Each structure stands twice: as C-alpha cells, then as structure tokens.
N, C-alpha and C. Protein backbone atom coordinates (compact mmCIF):
# COMPACT_ATOMS: atom_id res chain seq x y z
N UNK A 1 -36.52 69.42 -6.68
CA UNK A 1 -35.12 69.94 -7.42
C UNK A 1 -34.81 71.16 -7.26
N UNK A 2 -35.62 72.02 -6.70
CA UNK A 2 -35.34 73.40 -6.63
C UNK A 2 -34.58 73.53 -5.33
N UNK A 3 -35.13 72.73 -4.29
CA UNK A 3 -34.34 72.87 -3.03
C UNK A 3 -33.01 72.34 -2.88
N UNK A 4 -32.81 71.55 -4.07
CA UNK A 4 -31.33 70.89 -4.09
C UNK A 4 -30.35 71.70 -4.87
N UNK A 5 -30.87 72.68 -5.73
CA UNK A 5 -30.24 73.44 -6.29
C UNK A 5 -29.85 74.56 -5.65
N UNK A 6 -30.83 75.31 -4.54
CA UNK A 6 -30.63 76.18 -3.75
C UNK A 6 -29.58 75.72 -2.52
N UNK A 7 -29.53 74.59 -2.05
CA UNK A 7 -28.55 73.98 -1.38
C UNK A 7 -27.40 73.91 -1.86
N UNK A 8 -26.95 73.55 -3.03
CA UNK A 8 -25.96 73.57 -4.01
C UNK A 8 -25.00 75.03 -3.90
N UNK A 9 -26.20 75.77 -4.51
CA UNK A 9 -25.44 77.24 -4.34
C UNK A 9 -25.52 77.85 -3.17
N UNK A 10 -25.94 77.34 -2.36
CA UNK A 10 -25.50 78.04 -0.74
C UNK A 10 -24.40 77.30 -0.36
N UNK A 11 -24.06 75.98 -0.72
CA UNK A 11 -23.00 75.58 -0.16
C UNK A 11 -21.55 76.09 -0.99
N UNK A 12 -21.80 76.39 -2.42
CA UNK A 12 -20.79 76.88 -2.94
C UNK A 12 -20.56 78.57 -2.85
N UNK A 13 -21.50 79.20 -2.43
CA UNK A 13 -21.37 80.62 -1.98
C UNK A 13 -20.50 80.12 -0.69
N UNK A 14 -20.98 79.66 0.08
CA UNK A 14 -20.25 79.26 1.47
C UNK A 14 -18.68 79.21 1.17
N UNK A 15 -18.52 78.16 0.45
CA UNK A 15 -17.03 77.77 -0.10
C UNK A 15 -16.30 79.09 -0.53
N UNK A 16 -17.01 79.91 -1.47
CA UNK A 16 -16.26 80.87 -1.99
C UNK A 16 -16.14 81.81 -0.71
N UNK A 17 -17.14 82.42 -0.27
CA UNK A 17 -16.86 83.55 0.83
C UNK A 17 -15.82 82.97 2.13
N UNK A 18 -16.10 81.68 2.23
CA UNK A 18 -14.77 81.43 3.20
C UNK A 18 -13.54 81.25 2.79
N UNK A 19 -13.32 80.96 1.54
CA UNK A 19 -12.31 80.96 1.04
C UNK A 19 -11.55 82.30 0.73
N UNK A 20 -12.64 83.35 0.53
CA UNK A 20 -12.13 84.89 0.28
C UNK A 20 -11.42 85.21 1.70
N UNK A 21 -12.50 84.87 2.63
CA UNK A 21 -12.09 85.37 3.84
C UNK A 21 -10.68 84.40 4.63
N UNK A 22 -10.08 83.64 4.14
CA UNK A 22 -9.11 82.65 4.45
C UNK A 22 -7.73 83.43 3.78
N UNK A 23 -8.24 83.64 2.73
CA UNK A 23 -6.98 84.18 1.80
C UNK A 23 -6.93 85.49 2.18
N UNK A 24 -7.71 86.01 2.34
CA UNK A 24 -7.38 87.69 3.05
C UNK A 24 -6.91 87.73 4.25
N UNK A 25 -7.17 86.75 5.03
CA UNK A 25 -6.47 86.48 6.67
C UNK A 25 -5.06 86.24 6.36
N UNK A 26 -4.95 85.24 5.38
CA UNK A 26 -3.47 84.67 5.07
C UNK A 26 -2.70 85.96 4.42
N UNK A 27 -3.12 86.42 3.54
CA UNK A 27 -2.50 87.67 3.06
C UNK A 27 -1.91 88.75 4.13
N UNK A 28 -3.03 89.15 5.15
CA UNK A 28 -2.42 89.89 6.16
C UNK A 28 -1.47 89.20 7.06
N UNK A 29 -1.74 88.08 7.39
CA UNK A 29 -0.49 87.51 8.18
C UNK A 29 0.76 87.45 7.35
N UNK A 30 0.61 87.27 6.09
CA UNK A 30 1.94 87.25 5.38
C UNK A 30 2.67 88.66 5.26
N UNK A 31 1.90 89.88 5.16
CA UNK A 31 2.34 90.96 5.12
C UNK A 31 2.92 91.45 6.71
N UNK A 32 2.15 90.70 7.70
CA UNK A 32 2.66 91.30 8.86
C UNK A 32 4.24 90.24 9.31
N UNK A 33 4.15 89.09 8.51
CA UNK A 33 5.44 88.36 8.78
C UNK A 33 6.62 89.10 7.73
N UNK A 34 6.09 89.82 6.77
CA UNK A 34 7.34 90.25 6.04
C UNK A 34 7.75 91.68 6.87
N UNK A 35 6.72 92.46 7.48
CA UNK A 35 7.21 93.50 8.43
C UNK A 35 8.18 92.89 9.58
N UNK A 36 7.57 91.84 10.17
CA UNK A 36 8.60 91.23 11.20
C UNK A 36 9.96 90.86 10.86
N UNK A 37 9.99 90.36 9.74
CA UNK A 37 11.58 90.03 9.23
C UNK A 37 12.39 91.27 8.82
N UNK A 38 11.60 92.29 8.32
CA UNK A 38 12.37 93.47 8.09
C UNK A 38 12.91 93.89 9.53
N UNK A 39 12.12 94.09 10.55
CA UNK A 39 12.29 94.91 11.91
C UNK A 39 13.49 94.02 12.32
N UNK A 40 13.56 92.30 12.16
CA UNK A 40 14.42 91.69 12.73
C UNK A 40 15.74 91.85 12.30
N UNK A 41 15.72 91.93 10.65
CA UNK A 41 16.84 92.10 10.02
C UNK A 41 17.71 93.46 10.22
N UNK A 42 16.73 94.64 10.67
CA UNK A 42 17.33 96.20 10.66
C UNK A 42 17.45 96.35 12.18
N UNK A 43 17.20 95.24 13.06
CA UNK A 43 17.79 95.42 14.72
C UNK A 43 16.35 95.99 15.34
N UNK A 44 15.36 96.34 14.99
CA UNK A 44 14.20 97.09 15.31
C UNK A 44 13.44 96.14 16.42
N UNK A 45 13.51 95.22 16.76
CA UNK A 45 13.00 94.24 17.64
C UNK A 45 13.53 94.50 18.78
N UNK A 46 12.83 94.90 19.98
CA UNK A 46 13.59 95.33 21.33
C UNK A 46 13.83 94.08 22.05
N UNK A 47 12.70 93.07 21.89
CA UNK A 47 12.71 91.66 23.07
C UNK A 47 12.41 90.57 22.46
N UNK A 48 12.58 89.41 22.47
CA UNK A 48 12.49 88.13 22.26
C UNK A 48 10.85 88.04 22.37
N UNK A 49 10.10 88.63 22.96
CA UNK A 49 8.56 88.43 23.18
C UNK A 49 8.08 89.04 22.06
N UNK A 50 8.54 89.62 21.25
CA UNK A 50 7.78 90.17 20.12
C UNK A 50 8.11 89.42 18.92
N UNK A 51 7.55 88.20 19.21
CA UNK A 51 7.50 87.21 18.31
C UNK A 51 7.16 87.47 16.87
N UNK A 52 5.69 87.78 16.82
CA UNK A 52 4.68 88.00 15.81
C UNK A 52 3.72 89.22 16.68
N UNK A 53 4.20 90.34 16.69
CA UNK A 53 3.51 91.44 17.15
C UNK A 53 2.25 91.42 16.57
N UNK A 54 1.03 91.79 17.35
CA UNK A 54 -0.47 91.77 16.88
C UNK A 54 -0.91 90.58 16.09
N UNK A 55 -0.47 89.38 16.51
CA UNK A 55 -1.05 88.21 15.72
C UNK A 55 -2.47 88.17 16.36
N UNK A 56 -2.42 88.25 17.95
CA UNK A 56 -3.73 87.92 18.53
C UNK A 56 -4.80 88.81 18.22
N UNK A 57 -4.45 89.72 17.65
CA UNK A 57 -5.59 91.11 17.52
C UNK A 57 -6.07 90.48 15.88
N UNK A 58 -4.88 90.29 14.90
CA UNK A 58 -5.49 89.79 13.82
C UNK A 58 -6.37 88.35 13.64
N UNK A 59 -6.16 87.38 14.83
CA UNK A 59 -6.97 86.52 15.05
C UNK A 59 -8.09 86.87 15.45
N UNK A 60 -8.40 87.84 16.48
CA UNK A 60 -9.69 88.41 16.89
C UNK A 60 -10.58 89.20 15.56
N UNK A 61 -9.68 89.80 14.72
CA UNK A 61 -10.34 90.46 13.61
C UNK A 61 -11.30 89.47 12.86
N UNK A 62 -10.43 88.05 12.58
CA UNK A 62 -10.97 87.18 11.73
C UNK A 62 -12.22 86.34 12.21
N UNK A 63 -12.22 86.27 13.61
CA UNK A 63 -13.24 85.88 14.41
C UNK A 63 -14.53 86.99 14.42
N UNK A 64 -14.26 87.95 14.36
CA UNK A 64 -15.36 88.96 14.23
C UNK A 64 -15.76 89.17 12.91
N UNK A 65 -14.99 89.07 11.69
CA UNK A 65 -15.46 88.85 10.65
C UNK A 65 -16.32 87.70 10.18
N UNK A 66 -15.85 86.46 11.01
CA UNK A 66 -16.93 85.54 10.66
C UNK A 66 -18.06 85.60 11.56
N UNK A 67 -18.27 86.27 12.43
CA UNK A 67 -19.29 86.63 13.28
C UNK A 67 -20.44 87.41 12.58
N UNK A 68 -19.59 88.60 12.02
CA UNK A 68 -20.23 89.40 11.11
C UNK A 68 -21.06 88.77 9.89
N UNK A 69 -20.29 87.67 9.13
CA UNK A 69 -20.87 86.92 8.01
C UNK A 69 -22.07 86.39 8.44
N UNK A 70 -22.03 85.71 9.85
CA UNK A 70 -22.89 84.78 10.02
C UNK A 70 -24.00 85.55 10.60
N UNK A 71 -23.98 86.76 10.98
CA UNK A 71 -25.00 87.79 11.34
C UNK A 71 -25.65 88.33 9.96
N UNK A 72 -24.84 88.93 9.41
CA UNK A 72 -25.29 89.22 7.99
C UNK A 72 -26.13 88.39 6.91
N UNK A 73 -25.53 87.28 7.03
CA UNK A 73 -25.98 85.94 5.91
C UNK A 73 -26.29 84.82 6.71
N UNK A 74 -27.25 84.55 7.66
CA UNK A 74 -27.67 83.64 8.31
C UNK A 74 -28.04 82.19 7.28
N UNK A 75 -28.36 82.71 6.10
CA UNK A 75 -28.84 81.49 5.09
C UNK A 75 -27.39 80.59 4.80
N UNK A 76 -26.12 81.11 5.00
CA UNK A 76 -25.11 80.33 4.46
C UNK A 76 -24.77 79.50 6.03
N UNK A 77 -25.20 79.81 6.80
CA UNK A 77 -24.96 78.95 8.11
C UNK A 77 -26.52 77.83 8.63
N UNK A 78 -27.31 77.86 7.57
CA UNK A 78 -28.06 76.97 7.57
C UNK A 78 -27.98 75.51 7.19
N UNK A 79 -28.55 74.74 7.87
CA UNK A 79 -28.74 73.19 6.90
C UNK A 79 -27.34 72.74 6.93
N UNK A 80 -26.12 72.98 7.76
CA UNK A 80 -25.11 72.37 7.42
C UNK A 80 -24.18 73.06 6.58
N UNK A 81 -24.78 74.03 5.93
CA UNK A 81 -23.60 75.15 5.13
C UNK A 81 -22.40 75.73 5.80
N UNK A 82 -22.58 75.75 7.18
CA UNK A 82 -21.63 76.23 8.00
C UNK A 82 -20.04 75.58 7.85
N UNK A 83 -20.26 74.37 7.46
CA UNK A 83 -19.01 73.46 7.27
C UNK A 83 -18.35 73.88 5.78
N UNK A 84 -19.14 74.22 5.02
CA UNK A 84 -18.31 74.79 3.56
C UNK A 84 -17.73 76.17 3.68
N UNK A 85 -18.52 76.97 4.66
CA UNK A 85 -17.67 78.33 5.14
C UNK A 85 -16.22 77.73 5.74
N UNK A 86 -16.25 76.74 6.77
CA UNK A 86 -15.36 76.62 7.59
C UNK A 86 -14.16 75.80 6.64
N UNK A 87 -14.58 75.08 5.57
CA UNK A 87 -13.74 74.51 4.74
C UNK A 87 -13.10 75.42 3.57
N UNK A 88 -13.80 76.45 3.16
CA UNK A 88 -13.50 77.67 2.72
C UNK A 88 -12.52 78.27 2.99
N UNK A 89 -12.69 78.79 4.51
CA UNK A 89 -11.51 79.25 5.48
C UNK A 89 -10.28 78.54 5.23
N UNK A 90 -10.42 77.43 5.92
CA UNK A 90 -9.30 76.47 5.62
C UNK A 90 -8.75 76.41 4.39
N UNK A 91 -9.27 76.19 3.42
CA UNK A 91 -8.76 75.93 2.05
C UNK A 91 -8.09 77.39 1.64
N UNK A 92 -8.77 78.45 2.13
CA UNK A 92 -8.27 79.71 1.51
C UNK A 92 -6.53 79.88 2.17
N UNK A 93 -6.98 79.88 3.48
CA UNK A 93 -5.64 80.15 3.96
C UNK A 93 -4.43 79.06 3.83
N UNK A 94 -5.01 77.72 3.84
CA UNK A 94 -3.66 76.56 3.68
C UNK A 94 -3.32 76.65 2.33
N UNK A 95 -4.27 77.01 1.37
CA UNK A 95 -3.76 77.08 0.04
C UNK A 95 -2.74 78.22 -0.10
N UNK A 96 -2.80 79.04 0.62
CA UNK A 96 -1.97 80.51 0.45
C UNK A 96 -0.45 80.15 1.05
N UNK A 97 -0.63 79.19 2.25
CA UNK A 97 0.51 78.80 2.93
C UNK A 97 1.09 77.77 2.08
N UNK A 98 0.45 76.75 1.38
CA UNK A 98 1.07 76.01 0.76
C UNK A 98 1.91 76.36 -0.53
N UNK A 99 1.38 77.68 -1.13
CA UNK A 99 1.95 78.47 -2.10
C UNK A 99 3.05 78.94 -1.76
N UNK A 100 3.03 79.41 -0.44
CA UNK A 100 4.39 80.06 0.19
C UNK A 100 5.33 79.24 0.41
N UNK A 101 5.13 78.05 0.88
CA UNK A 101 5.99 76.97 0.95
C UNK A 101 6.56 76.52 -0.20
N UNK A 102 5.75 76.51 -1.39
CA UNK A 102 6.56 76.02 -2.70
C UNK A 102 7.36 77.16 -3.04
N UNK A 103 7.00 78.62 -2.73
CA UNK A 103 7.79 79.46 -3.44
C UNK A 103 9.18 79.29 -2.67
N UNK A 104 9.16 79.15 -1.67
CA UNK A 104 10.42 79.12 -0.62
C UNK A 104 11.05 77.94 -0.92
N UNK A 105 10.60 76.73 -1.36
CA UNK A 105 11.38 75.58 -1.87
C UNK A 105 12.00 75.79 -3.02
N UNK A 106 11.47 76.46 -4.04
CA UNK A 106 11.93 76.75 -5.44
C UNK A 106 13.12 77.61 -5.11
N UNK A 107 12.78 78.66 -4.35
CA UNK A 107 14.03 79.57 -4.11
C UNK A 107 14.97 79.47 -3.44
N UNK A 108 15.04 78.14 -2.68
CA UNK A 108 16.39 77.48 -1.90
C UNK A 108 16.73 76.61 -2.82
N UNK A 109 16.30 76.04 -3.54
CA UNK A 109 17.00 74.82 -4.43
C UNK A 109 18.14 75.45 -5.13
N UNK A 110 19.40 74.96 -5.18
CA UNK A 110 20.53 75.18 -6.09
C UNK A 110 20.02 74.80 -7.42
N UNK A 111 20.78 75.65 -8.16
CA UNK A 111 20.67 75.43 -9.84
C UNK A 111 21.26 74.04 -10.10
N UNK A 112 22.13 73.76 -9.52
CA UNK A 112 22.67 72.32 -10.04
C UNK A 112 22.23 71.07 -9.56
N UNK A 113 21.21 71.37 -8.55
CA UNK A 113 20.44 70.15 -7.78
C UNK A 113 19.19 69.92 -8.65
N UNK A 114 18.99 68.52 -8.92
CA UNK A 114 17.84 68.04 -9.83
C UNK A 114 16.59 68.34 -9.11
N UNK A 115 15.46 69.04 -9.42
CA UNK A 115 14.03 69.08 -9.17
C UNK A 115 13.60 67.82 -9.75
N UNK A 116 12.45 67.60 -8.42
CA UNK A 116 11.64 66.51 -8.92
C UNK A 116 10.18 66.92 -9.10
C-alpha cells in the first residue's frame, strides 16, 4: 500500500512541477510576443526575418530546465513518472495558450453579437 501512495505522490508532484515549468515557459513566450508586437507597431523591426527573436534560445532554456529537473530529482523520472512531468508541461503551456485564446475571442466579439 505504501508503494502505491509513493507512486501517486510522485506522479502528482511530477504533474505539478511539469505544469509549473510549462506555465512559466508560456508566460515568458507571451511576454516576448507582447514585446514583438510593440516593436512591430512602433516600426522597430528591421527585417521580416525577425519573426520571433530569441524563440530558439527560450526553447533551449526550457530543455535545460527540464534536464536540470531530471538530474536534480531523478525520482520524478523513475517508473514511468516522466510522462506525468511531460503531461504537466503540455498542460501548463497548453492551458495558458487556451486562456489567451479565450481572452482574444472575448475581446473581439462585438457587443451586439450573441455569445454562446
């Protein structure tokens, strides 16, 4: 019984930690997107190649953080728990993207249009 409880706690901790990492990555990406929009509106972009400056660096940082978590806490990556961490990252980042999409849809719906 104790091993089941430990497995459940490990999975839950992996899900929470992964969600925190995914949410943090999403917030950093959102801040970079807002900065990019301000530069675009202000005419600060010099070329069309600057679609999202620094995005590869941010992805590299995400991978480094995930590797550090795996090195620091190998218990979260034992016995199939790594899938809970991955699900947390996807859920945290995906949840933030979904929330942003809903905010955009609400802000673009005209006042006279019926909402479902």
